[in-house]
Amino acid sequence: MLQQTRVEVVRDYYRCWLRVFPTLRSLARAPLDRVLQLWEGLGYYHRARNLHRAAQMITRLPRTAAALRQLPGIGRYTAGAIASIAFDQPEPIVDGNIARVFHRLFPGQEPWSVAAALLPARAPGEFNQALMELGALVCLPRQPRCAVCPVRKLCAGPRPLPRRRVPLQPVTQSVLFAHRNGRVLLRQRPPTGLLAGLWELPPGRSHRELLTIRHTITNHRITLRVYAGSPPPGQGHWFTRRQLARLAMPAAHRRALNAALESDSPSRRTTSPARR
């Protein structure tokens, strides 16, 4: 969950995840739809699929970084973190926070080489976590707290990390909100590719626009225009409100669906829907 996502965002998802899937076996036996539904809102859904596949592949968690890297979705950093923190194995790790610390302490040196050279034989997991915390809480990207830094005497001063800005790509989508007899029509995305297997409002437009949702994910700024209407016959599946709550949907489509349902409620039909 922490791959490309901040701790404060992950925390509640993590607690909920462990309540539902307290063991590897419970996760392995769960339907993929349930796994994706619990992940909804975190983004990068391939992480959930990889975690589900990994749970199905193993009966006992490997204890070495080399073995862990054979599992889907686990690379050098994640394998080192699990091996050192969970199993006390002498494995170095480098995340964004540690890379920033090393960039300022050892400019010009390759971060993974530095991490391996500094790694102690005893308590490597505590050492790795301390490095992560140093970068996350003290050696900040902007306005670092140099006065309280335990290694400030070794540092020549904060240096900004070279960053390559990725421009946001605008994406506009038109979708239909089809609602009849208490059911809503959704279609399922293909099993591979972006947002694979998630449910969404079907594409289309009509003369009646209900609302507009704007949502940013990774390097895309999405504008979702929602229209009231009926798609061609045979497209998608109809779901009750109770069923909708159990489906996994992209965050923008979930927001759009909830807003459309609210605007379609009897108490709101006499007023024009708000633009969002």
C-alpha atoms as a PDB file:
ATOM      1  CA  MET A   1       0.000   0.000   0.000  1.00  0.00           C
ATOM      2  CA  LEU A   2       2.870   2.354   0.713  1.00  0.00           C
ATOM      3  CA  GLN A   3       4.242   2.024  -2.800  1.00  0.00           C
ATOM      4  CA  GLN A   4       3.677   5.528  -4.242  1.00  0.00           C
ATOM      5  CA  THR A   5       1.178   6.437  -1.500  1.00  0.00           C
ATOM      6  CA  ARG A   6       1.686   8.462   1.702  1.00  0.00           C
ATOM      7  CA  VAL A   7       1.351   6.921   5.168  1.00  0.00           C
ATOM      8  CA  GLU A   8      -1.490   9.228   6.218  1.00  0.00           C
ATOM      9  CA  VAL A   9      -3.538   8.072   3.209  1.00  0.00           C
ATOM     10  CA  VAL A  10      -2.752   4.382   3.724  1.00  0.00           C
ATOM     11  CA  ARG A  11      -3.368   4.142   7.475  1.00  0.00           C
ATOM     12  CA  ASP A  12      -7.155   3.654   7.473  1.00  0.00           C
ATOM     13  CA  TYR A  13      -7.029   1.334   4.446  1.00  0.00           C
ATOM     14  CA  TYR A  14      -4.406  -0.797   6.185  1.00  0.00           C
ATOM     15  CA  ARG A  15      -6.467  -1.191   9.336  1.00  0.00           C
ATOM     16  CA  CYS A  16      -9.587  -2.087   7.377  1.00  0.00           C
ATOM     17  CA  TRP A  17      -7.612  -4.529   5.216  1.00  0.00           C
ATOM     18  CA  LEU A  18      -6.280  -6.421   8.243  1.00  0.00           C
ATOM     19  CA  ARG A  19      -9.752  -6.652   9.764  1.00  0.00           C
ATOM     20  CA  VAL A  20     -11.090  -8.264   6.600  1.00  0.00           C
ATOM     21  CA  PHE A  21      -7.970 -10.257   5.656  1.00  0.00           C
ATOM     22  CA  PRO A  22      -6.104 -11.093   8.893  1.00  0.00           C
ATOM     23  CA  THR A  23      -4.165 -13.970   7.279  1.00  0.00           C
ATOM     24  CA  LEU A  24      -2.597 -14.860   3.952  1.00  0.00           C
ATOM     25  CA  ARG A  25      -5.128 -17.664   3.566  1.00  0.00           C
ATOM     26  CA  SER A  26      -8.114 -15.352   4.013  1.00  0.00           C
ATOM     27  CA  LEU A  27      -6.718 -13.039   1.344  1.00  0.00           C
ATOM     28  CA  ALA A  28      -5.903 -15.895  -1.032  1.00  0.00           C
ATOM     29  CA  ARG A  29      -9.453 -17.257  -0.788  1.00  0.00           C
ATOM     30  CA  ALA A  30     -11.160 -13.891  -1.272  1.00  0.00           C
ATOM     31  CA  PRO A  31     -12.783 -13.036  -4.635  1.00  0.00           C
ATOM     32  CA  LEU A  32     -10.811 -10.479  -6.625  1.00  0.00           C
ATOM     33  CA  ASP A  33     -13.847  -8.174  -6.728  1.00  0.00           C
ATOM     34  CA  ARG A  34     -13.815  -8.005  -2.924  1.00  0.00           C
ATOM     35  CA  VAL A  35     -10.082  -7.251  -2.904  1.00  0.00           C
ATOM     36  CA  LEU A  36     -10.483  -4.430  -5.431  1.00  0.00           C
ATOM     37  CA  GLN A  37     -13.489  -3.016  -3.583  1.00  0.00           C
ATOM     38  CA  LEU A  38     -11.472  -2.671  -0.356  1.00  0.00           C
ATOM     39  CA  TRP A  39      -8.686  -1.010  -2.351  1.00  0.00           C
ATOM     40  CA  GLU A  40     -11.040   1.523  -3.934  1.00  0.00           C
ATOM     41  CA  GLY A  41      -9.683   5.061  -3.659  1.00  0.00           C
ATOM     42  CA  LEU A  42      -6.026   4.073  -3.167  1.00  0.00           C
ATOM     43  CA  GLY A  43      -5.322   3.930  -6.896  1.00  0.00           C
ATOM     44  CA  TYR A  44      -2.656   1.876  -8.677  1.00  0.00           C
ATOM     45  CA  TYR A  45      -4.968  -1.134  -8.562  1.00  0.00           C
ATOM     46  CA  HIS A  46      -2.267  -3.435  -9.927  1.00  0.00           C
ATOM     47  CA  ARG A  47      -0.877  -3.416  -6.370  1.00  0.00           C
ATOM     48  CA  ALA A  48      -4.063  -5.048  -5.055  1.00  0.00           C
ATOM     49  CA  ARG A  49      -4.007  -7.642  -7.826  1.00  0.00           C
ATOM     50  CA  ASN A  50      -0.345  -8.410  -7.175  1.00  0.00           C
ATOM     51  CA  LEU A  51      -0.968  -8.777  -3.444  1.00  0.00           C
ATOM     52  CA  HIS A  52      -3.888 -11.111  -4.121  1.00  0.00           C
ATOM     53  CA  ARG A  53      -1.847 -13.204  -6.566  1.00  0.00           C
ATOM     54  CA  ALA A  54       1.098 -13.361  -4.157  1.00  0.00           C
ATOM     55  CA  ALA A  55      -1.148 -14.632  -1.356  1.00  0.00           C
ATOM     56  CA  GLN A  56      -2.410 -17.371  -3.667  1.00  0.00           C
ATOM     57  CA  MET A  57       1.138 -18.375  -4.648  1.00  0.00           C
ATOM     58  CA  ILE A  58       2.608 -18.872  -1.195  1.00  0.00           C
ATOM     59  CA  THR A  59       1.719 -20.976   1.811  1.00  0.00           C
ATOM     60  CA  ARG A  60       4.510 -19.550   3.965  1.00  0.00           C
ATOM     61  CA  LEU A  61       6.035 -16.094   3.599  1.00  0.00           C
ATOM     62  CA  PRO A  62       9.602 -16.286   2.217  1.00  0.00           C
ATOM     63  CA  ARG A  63      12.214 -14.873   4.576  1.00  0.00           C
ATOM     64  CA  THR A  64      14.896 -13.723   2.124  1.00  0.00           C
ATOM     65  CA  ALA A  65      14.879 -10.756  -0.212  1.00  0.00           C
ATOM     66  CA  ALA A  66      15.797 -12.956  -3.178  1.00  0.00           C
ATOM     67  CA  ALA A  67      12.815 -15.236  -2.582  1.00  0.00           C
ATOM     68  CA  LEU A  68      10.446 -12.329  -1.969  1.00  0.00           C
ATOM     69  CA  ARG A  69      11.396 -10.749  -5.300  1.00  0.00           C
ATOM     70  CA  GLN A  70       9.959 -13.776  -7.079  1.00  0.00           C
ATOM     71  CA  LEU A  71       6.471 -12.693  -6.003  1.00  0.00           C
ATOM     72  CA  PRO A  72       4.381 -10.341  -8.177  1.00  0.00           C
ATOM     73  CA  GLY A  73       4.651  -6.659  -7.301  1.00  0.00           C
ATOM     74  CA  ILE A  74       7.704  -7.001  -5.039  1.00  0.00           C
ATOM     75  CA  GLY A  75      10.883  -5.304  -6.202  1.00  0.00           C
ATOM     76  CA  ARG A  76      14.216  -4.532  -4.608  1.00  0.00           C
ATOM     77  CA  TYR A  77      12.967  -1.971  -2.106  1.00  0.00           C
ATOM     78  CA  THR A  78       9.873  -3.850  -0.907  1.00  0.00           C
ATOM     79  CA  ALA A  79      11.795  -7.129  -0.644  1.00  0.00           C
ATOM     80  CA  GLY A  80      14.531  -5.464   1.400  1.00  0.00           C
ATOM     81  CA  ALA A  81      12.004  -3.778   3.674  1.00  0.00           C
ATOM     82  CA  ILE A  82      10.108  -7.011   4.400  1.00  0.00           C
ATOM     83  CA  ALA A  83      13.278  -9.094   4.867  1.00  0.00           C
ATOM     84  CA  SER A  84      14.973  -6.603   7.205  1.00  0.00           C
ATOM     85  CA  ILE A  85      11.979  -5.408   9.232  1.00  0.00           C
ATOM     86  CA  ALA A  86       9.985  -8.649   9.483  1.00  0.00           C
ATOM     87  CA  PHE A  87      12.815 -11.205   9.499  1.00  0.00           C
ATOM     88  CA  ASP A  88      15.888  -9.262  10.687  1.00  0.00           C
ATOM     89  CA  GLN A  89      17.790 -10.022   7.482  1.00  0.00           C
ATOM     90  CA  PRO A  90      20.731  -7.707   6.594  1.00  0.00           C
ATOM     91  CA  GLU A  91      19.140  -6.161   3.497  1.00  0.00           C
ATOM     92  CA  PRO A  92      19.523  -2.483   2.532  1.00  0.00           C
ATOM     93  CA  ILE A  93      16.596  -0.384   1.324  1.00  0.00           C
ATOM     94  CA  VAL A  94      16.287   2.948  -0.473  1.00  0.00           C
ATOM     95  CA  ASP A  95      12.996   4.794  -0.757  1.00  0.00           C
ATOM     96  CA  GLY A  96      12.422   8.436  -1.653  1.00  0.00           C
ATOM     97  CA  ASN A  97      13.113   9.646   1.886  1.00  0.00           C
ATOM     98  CA  ILE A  98      16.343   7.683   2.231  1.00  0.00           C
ATOM     99  CA  ALA A  99      17.521   8.787  -1.211  1.00  0.00           C
ATOM    100  CA  ARG A 100      17.089  12.417  -0.114  1.00  0.00           C
ATOM    101  CA  VAL A 101      19.098  11.853   3.085  1.00  0.00           C
ATOM    102  CA  PHE A 102      21.936  10.212   1.145  1.00  0.00           C
ATOM    103  CA  HIS A 103      21.840  12.894  -1.539  1.00  0.00           C
ATOM    104  CA  ARG A 104      22.539  15.504   1.135  1.00  0.00           C
ATOM    105  CA  LEU A 105      25.025  13.496   3.199  1.00  0.00           C
ATOM    106  CA  PHE A 106      26.886  11.794   0.353  1.00  0.00           C
ATOM    107  CA  PRO A 107      26.389  13.898  -2.781  1.00  0.00           C
ATOM    108  CA  GLY A 108      27.238  12.163  -6.000  1.00  0.00           C
ATOM    109  CA  GLN A 109      27.248   8.644  -4.551  1.00  0.00           C
ATOM    110  CA  GLU A 110      24.860   5.916  -5.631  1.00  0.00           C
ATOM    111  CA  PRO A 111      22.186   5.527  -2.900  1.00  0.00           C
ATOM    112  CA  TRP A 112      22.000   1.729  -2.917  1.00  0.00           C
ATOM    113  CA  SER A 113      25.781   1.431  -2.558  1.00  0.00           C
ATOM    114  CA  VAL A 114      25.687   3.808   0.390  1.00  0.00           C
ATOM    115  CA  ALA A 115      22.796   1.897   1.999  1.00  0.00           C
ATOM    116  CA  ALA A 116      24.664  -1.409   1.700  1.00  0.00           C
ATOM    117  CA  ALA A 117      27.879   0.067   3.098  1.00  0.00           C
ATOM    118  CA  LEU A 118      26.153   1.595   6.137  1.00  0.00           C
ATOM    119  CA  LEU A 119      23.899  -1.358   6.991  1.00  0.00           C
ATOM    120  CA  PRO A 120      24.745  -2.802  10.420  1.00  0.00           C
ATOM    121  CA  ALA A 121      24.851  -6.531  11.058  1.00  0.00           C
ATOM    122  CA  ARG A 122      22.587  -6.183  14.094  1.00  0.00           C
ATOM    123  CA  ALA A 123      19.016  -4.834  13.942  1.00  0.00           C
ATOM    124  CA  PRO A 124      19.064  -3.936  10.222  1.00  0.00           C
ATOM    125  CA  GLY A 125      15.310  -3.425  10.250  1.00  0.00           C
ATOM    126  CA  GLU A 126      15.491  -0.785  12.971  1.00  0.00           C
ATOM    127  CA  PHE A 127      18.318   0.946  11.108  1.00  0.00           C
ATOM    128  CA  ASN A 128      16.319   1.001   7.874  1.00  0.00           C
ATOM    129  CA  GLN A 129      13.230   2.335   9.623  1.00  0.00           C
ATOM    130  CA  ALA A 130      15.317   5.010  11.325  1.00  0.00           C
ATOM    131  CA  LEU A 131      16.614   6.160   7.940  1.00  0.00           C
ATOM    132  CA  MET A 132      13.086   6.325   6.564  1.00  0.00           C
ATOM    133  CA  GLU A 133      11.891   8.318   9.567  1.00  0.00           C
ATOM    134  CA  LEU A 134      14.873  10.664   9.320  1.00  0.00           C
ATOM    135  CA  GLY A 135      13.865  11.537   5.783  1.00  0.00           C
ATOM    136  CA  ALA A 136      10.127  11.632   6.461  1.00  0.00           C
ATOM    137  CA  LEU A 137      10.203  13.740   9.643  1.00  0.00           C
ATOM    138  CA  VAL A 138      13.491  15.689   9.682  1.00  0.00           C
ATOM    139  CA  CYS A 139      15.290  15.790   6.331  1.00  0.00           C
ATOM    140  CA  LEU A 140      12.264  17.203   4.541  1.00  0.00           C
ATOM    141  CA  PRO A 141      12.227  18.144   0.843  1.00  0.00           C
ATOM    142  CA  ARG A 142      11.421  21.751   1.732  1.00  0.00           C
ATOM    143  CA  GLN A 143      12.344  23.491   4.982  1.00  0.00           C
ATOM    144  CA  PRO A 144      14.307  20.574   6.490  1.00  0.00           C
ATOM    145  CA  ARG A 145      14.587  20.601  10.287  1.00  0.00           C
ATOM    146  CA  CYS A 146      18.372  20.818  10.338  1.00  0.00           C
ATOM    147  CA  ALA A 147      18.511  22.104  13.929  1.00  0.00           C
ATOM    148  CA  VAL A 148      17.218  18.789  15.314  1.00  0.00           C
ATOM    149  CA  CYS A 149      18.925  16.484  12.810  1.00  0.00           C
ATOM    150  CA  PRO A 150      21.111  13.858  14.553  1.00  0.00           C
ATOM    151  CA  VAL A 151      23.606  13.843  11.659  1.00  0.00           C
ATOM    152  CA  ARG A 152      23.714  17.588  10.976  1.00  0.00           C
ATOM    153  CA  LYS A 153      27.477  17.751  11.662  1.00  0.00           C
ATOM    154  CA  LEU A 154      28.076  15.362   8.775  1.00  0.00           C
ATOM    155  CA  CYS A 155      25.893  17.295   6.344  1.00  0.00           C
ATOM    156  CA  ALA A 156      27.067  20.135   4.129  1.00  0.00           C
ATOM    157  CA  GLY A 157      23.538  21.527   4.054  1.00  0.00           C
ATOM    158  CA  PRO A 158      20.264  20.756   2.329  1.00  0.00           C
ATOM    159  CA  ARG A 159      20.423  20.224  -1.401  1.00  0.00           C
ATOM    160  CA  PRO A 160      17.266  20.036  -3.483  1.00  0.00           C
ATOM    161  CA  LEU A 161      16.816  16.715  -5.201  1.00  0.00           C
ATOM    162  CA  PRO A 162      16.706  16.983  -8.965  1.00  0.00           C
ATOM    163  CA  ARG A 163      13.087  16.560  -9.958  1.00  0.00           C
ATOM    164  CA  ARG A 164      11.523  16.089 -13.326  1.00  0.00           C
ATOM    165  CA  ARG A 165       8.071  17.550 -13.428  1.00  0.00           C
ATOM    166  CA  VAL A 166       5.569  15.498 -15.372  1.00  0.00           C
ATOM    167  CA  PRO A 167       2.874  17.717 -16.876  1.00  0.00           C
ATOM    168  CA  LEU A 168      -0.691  16.713 -16.162  1.00  0.00           C
ATOM    169  CA  GLN A 169      -2.473  15.374 -19.204  1.00  0.00           C
ATOM    170  CA  PRO A 170      -6.085  16.552 -19.524  1.00  0.00           C
ATOM    171  CA  VAL A 171      -8.611  13.784 -20.198  1.00  0.00           C
ATOM    172  CA  THR A 172     -12.304  14.469 -20.792  1.00  0.00           C
ATOM    173  CA  GLN A 173     -14.821  11.614 -20.659  1.00  0.00           C
ATOM    174  CA  SER A 174     -18.566  11.622 -21.262  1.00  0.00           C
ATOM    175  CA  VAL A 175     -20.591   8.960 -19.444  1.00  0.00           C
ATOM    176  CA  LEU A 176     -24.235   8.070 -19.004  1.00  0.00           C
ATOM    177  CA  PHE A 177     -26.183   7.761 -15.781  1.00  0.00           C
ATOM    178  CA  ALA A 178     -28.961   5.288 -16.595  1.00  0.00           C
ATOM    179  CA  HIS A 179     -31.333   4.746 -13.674  1.00  0.00           C
ATOM    180  CA  ARG A 180     -34.549   2.735 -13.751  1.00  0.00           C
ATOM    181  CA  ASN A 181     -36.586   0.768 -11.224  1.00  0.00           C
ATOM    182  CA  GLY A 182     -34.053   1.520  -8.496  1.00  0.00           C
ATOM    183  CA  ARG A 183     -31.146   0.105 -10.507  1.00  0.00           C
ATOM    184  CA  VAL A 184     -28.137   1.724 -12.170  1.00  0.00           C
ATOM    185  CA  LEU A 185     -26.378   0.536 -15.308  1.00  0.00           C
ATOM    186  CA  LEU A 186     -22.603  -0.039 -15.143  1.00  0.00           C
ATOM    187  CA  ARG A 187     -20.117  -1.706 -17.449  1.00  0.00           C
ATOM    188  CA  GLN A 188     -16.986  -3.619 -16.462  1.00  0.00           C
ATOM    189  CA  ARG A 189     -13.595  -2.620 -17.829  1.00  0.00           C
ATOM    190  CA  PRO A 190     -11.497  -5.239 -19.692  1.00  0.00           C
ATOM    191  CA  PRO A 191      -9.527  -7.742 -17.552  1.00  0.00           C
ATOM    192  CA  THR A 192      -6.202  -6.190 -18.587  1.00  0.00           C
ATOM    193  CA  GLY A 193      -4.947  -2.649 -18.942  1.00  0.00           C
ATOM    194  CA  LEU A 194      -5.722   0.535 -17.010  1.00  0.00           C
ATOM    195  CA  LEU A 195      -8.176   0.018 -14.108  1.00  0.00           C
ATOM    196  CA  ALA A 196      -8.669  -3.566 -15.267  1.00  0.00           C
ATOM    197  CA  GLY A 197     -11.846  -5.276 -14.087  1.00  0.00           C
ATOM    198  CA  LEU A 198     -13.335  -2.228 -12.336  1.00  0.00           C
ATOM    199  CA  TRP A 199     -16.932  -1.151 -12.898  1.00  0.00           C
ATOM    200  CA  GLU A 200     -17.764   2.270 -14.336  1.00  0.00           C
ATOM    201  CA  LEU A 201     -20.535   4.351 -15.853  1.00  0.00           C
ATOM    202  CA  PRO A 202     -20.872   3.486 -19.557  1.00  0.00           C
ATOM    203  CA  PRO A 203     -19.652   5.979 -22.165  1.00  0.00           C
ATOM    204  CA  GLY A 204     -22.169   8.195 -23.946  1.00  0.00           C
ATOM    205  CA  ARG A 205     -23.919  11.542 -23.836  1.00  0.00           C
ATOM    206  CA  SER A 206     -27.368  13.047 -24.217  1.00  0.00           C
ATOM    207  CA  HIS A 207     -29.068  16.428 -24.315  1.00  0.00           C
ATOM    208  CA  ARG A 208     -29.298  16.470 -20.477  1.00  0.00           C
ATOM    209  CA  GLU A 209     -26.037  16.977 -18.604  1.00  0.00           C
ATOM    210  CA  LEU A 210     -26.324  16.228 -14.892  1.00  0.00           C
ATOM    211  CA  LEU A 211     -22.970  17.240 -13.467  1.00  0.00           C
ATOM    212  CA  THR A 212     -19.219  17.435 -13.987  1.00  0.00           C
ATOM    213  CA  ILE A 213     -16.590  15.732 -11.828  1.00  0.00           C
ATOM    214  CA  ARG A 214     -12.930  16.735 -11.863  1.00  0.00           C
ATOM    215  CA  HIS A 215     -10.378  14.279 -10.549  1.00  0.00           C
ATOM    216  CA  THR A 216      -6.584  14.035 -10.641  1.00  0.00           C
ATOM    217  CA  ILE A 217      -4.762  10.696 -10.619  1.00  0.00           C
ATOM    218  CA  THR A 218      -1.024  10.206 -11.282  1.00  0.00           C
ATOM    219  CA  ASN A 219      -0.347  12.436 -14.305  1.00  0.00           C
ATOM    220  CA  HIS A 220      -3.921  12.740 -15.565  1.00  0.00           C
ATOM    221  CA  ARG A 221      -6.422  15.507 -14.847  1.00  0.00           C
ATOM    222  CA  ILE A 222      -9.773  13.899 -15.564  1.00  0.00           C
ATOM    223  CA  THR A 223     -12.958  15.784 -16.379  1.00  0.00           C
ATOM    224  CA  LEU A 224     -15.944  13.446 -16.184  1.00  0.00           C
ATOM    225  CA  ARG A 225     -19.155  14.789 -17.735  1.00  0.00           C
ATOM    226  CA  VAL A 226     -22.210  12.854 -16.613  1.00  0.00           C
ATOM    227  CA  TYR A 227     -25.372  12.810 -18.733  1.00  0.00           C
ATOM    228  CA  ALA A 228     -28.787  11.339 -18.043  1.00  0.00           C
ATOM    229  CA  GLY A 229     -29.804   8.810 -20.639  1.00  0.00           C
ATOM    230  CA  SER A 230     -30.096   5.233 -21.792  1.00  0.00           C
ATOM    231  CA  PRO A 231     -27.276   3.390 -23.562  1.00  0.00           C
ATOM    232  CA  PRO A 232     -27.830   0.907 -26.413  1.00  0.00           C
ATOM    233  CA  PRO A 233     -29.546  -2.368 -25.396  1.00  0.00           C
ATOM    234  CA  GLY A 234     -27.307  -5.102 -24.047  1.00  0.00           C
ATOM    235  CA  GLN A 235     -24.577  -2.795 -22.794  1.00  0.00           C
ATOM    236  CA  GLY A 236     -23.507  -3.422 -19.204  1.00  0.00           C
ATOM    237  CA  HIS A 237     -25.368  -4.758 -16.169  1.00  0.00           C
ATOM    238  CA  TRP A 238     -28.013  -3.306 -13.867  1.00  0.00           C
ATOM    239  CA  PHE A 239     -27.277  -3.080 -10.122  1.00  0.00           C
ATOM    240  CA  THR A 240     -29.268  -2.153  -7.039  1.00  0.00           C
ATOM    241  CA  ARG A 241     -27.885   0.370  -4.569  1.00  0.00           C
ATOM    242  CA  ARG A 242     -26.910  -2.413  -2.205  1.00  0.00           C
ATOM    243  CA  GLN A 243     -25.023  -4.180  -4.968  1.00  0.00           C
ATOM    244  CA  LEU A 244     -23.303  -0.939  -6.012  1.00  0.00           C
ATOM    245  CA  ALA A 245     -21.728  -0.635  -2.560  1.00  0.00           C
ATOM    246  CA  ARG A 246     -19.949  -3.976  -3.055  1.00  0.00           C
ATOM    247  CA  LEU A 247     -18.488  -3.211  -6.490  1.00  0.00           C
ATOM    248  CA  ALA A 248     -15.008  -1.814  -7.097  1.00  0.00           C
ATOM    249  CA  MET A 249     -15.078   1.410  -9.117  1.00  0.00           C
ATOM    250  CA  PRO A 250     -12.554   4.085 -10.133  1.00  0.00           C
ATOM    251  CA  ALA A 251     -12.690   6.961  -7.660  1.00  0.00           C
ATOM    252  CA  ALA A 252     -13.943   9.488 -10.235  1.00  0.00           C
ATOM    253  CA  HIS A 253     -16.797   7.220 -11.322  1.00  0.00           C
ATOM    254  CA  ARG A 254     -17.755   6.463  -7.710  1.00  0.00           C
ATOM    255  CA  ARG A 255     -17.938  10.205  -6.977  1.00  0.00           C
ATOM    256  CA  ALA A 256     -19.960  10.771 -10.136  1.00  0.00           C
ATOM    257  CA  LEU A 257     -22.336   7.909  -9.346  1.00  0.00           C
ATOM    258  CA  ASN A 258     -22.958   9.093  -5.778  1.00  0.00           C
ATOM    259  CA  ALA A 259     -23.560  12.658  -6.949  1.00  0.00           C
ATOM    260  CA  ALA A 260     -25.913  11.498  -9.702  1.00  0.00           C
ATOM    261  CA  LEU A 261     -27.881   9.307  -7.300  1.00  0.00           C
ATOM    262  CA  GLU A 262     -28.189  12.221  -4.909  1.00  0.00           C
ATOM    263  CA  SER A 263     -29.380  14.582  -7.637  1.00  0.00           C
ATOM    264  CA  ASP A 264     -31.891  11.948  -8.797  1.00  0.00           C
ATOM    265  CA  SER A 265     -33.418  11.474  -5.335  1.00  0.00           C
ATOM    266  CA  PRO A 266     -37.079  12.572  -4.968  1.00  0.00           C
ATOM    267  CA  SER A 267     -36.183  15.417  -2.596  1.00  0.00           C
ATOM    268  CA  ARG A 268     -33.802  16.938  -5.147  1.00  0.00           C
ATOM    269  CA  ARG A 269     -35.810  16.570  -8.346  1.00  0.00           C
ATOM    270  CA  THR A 270     -37.510  19.927  -7.943  1.00  0.00           C
ATOM    271  CA  THR A 271     -34.163  21.754  -7.916  1.00  0.00           C
ATOM    272  CA  SER A 272     -31.522  21.928 -10.598  1.00  0.00           C
ATOM    273  CA  PRO A 273     -28.462  19.770  -9.861  1.00  0.00           C
ATOM    274  CA  ALA A 274     -25.364  21.561  -8.633  1.00  0.00           C
ATOM    275  CA  ARG A 275     -22.314  21.713 -10.796  1.00  0.00           C
ATOM    276  CA  ARG A 276     -19.376  19.921  -9.191  1.00  0.00           C
END
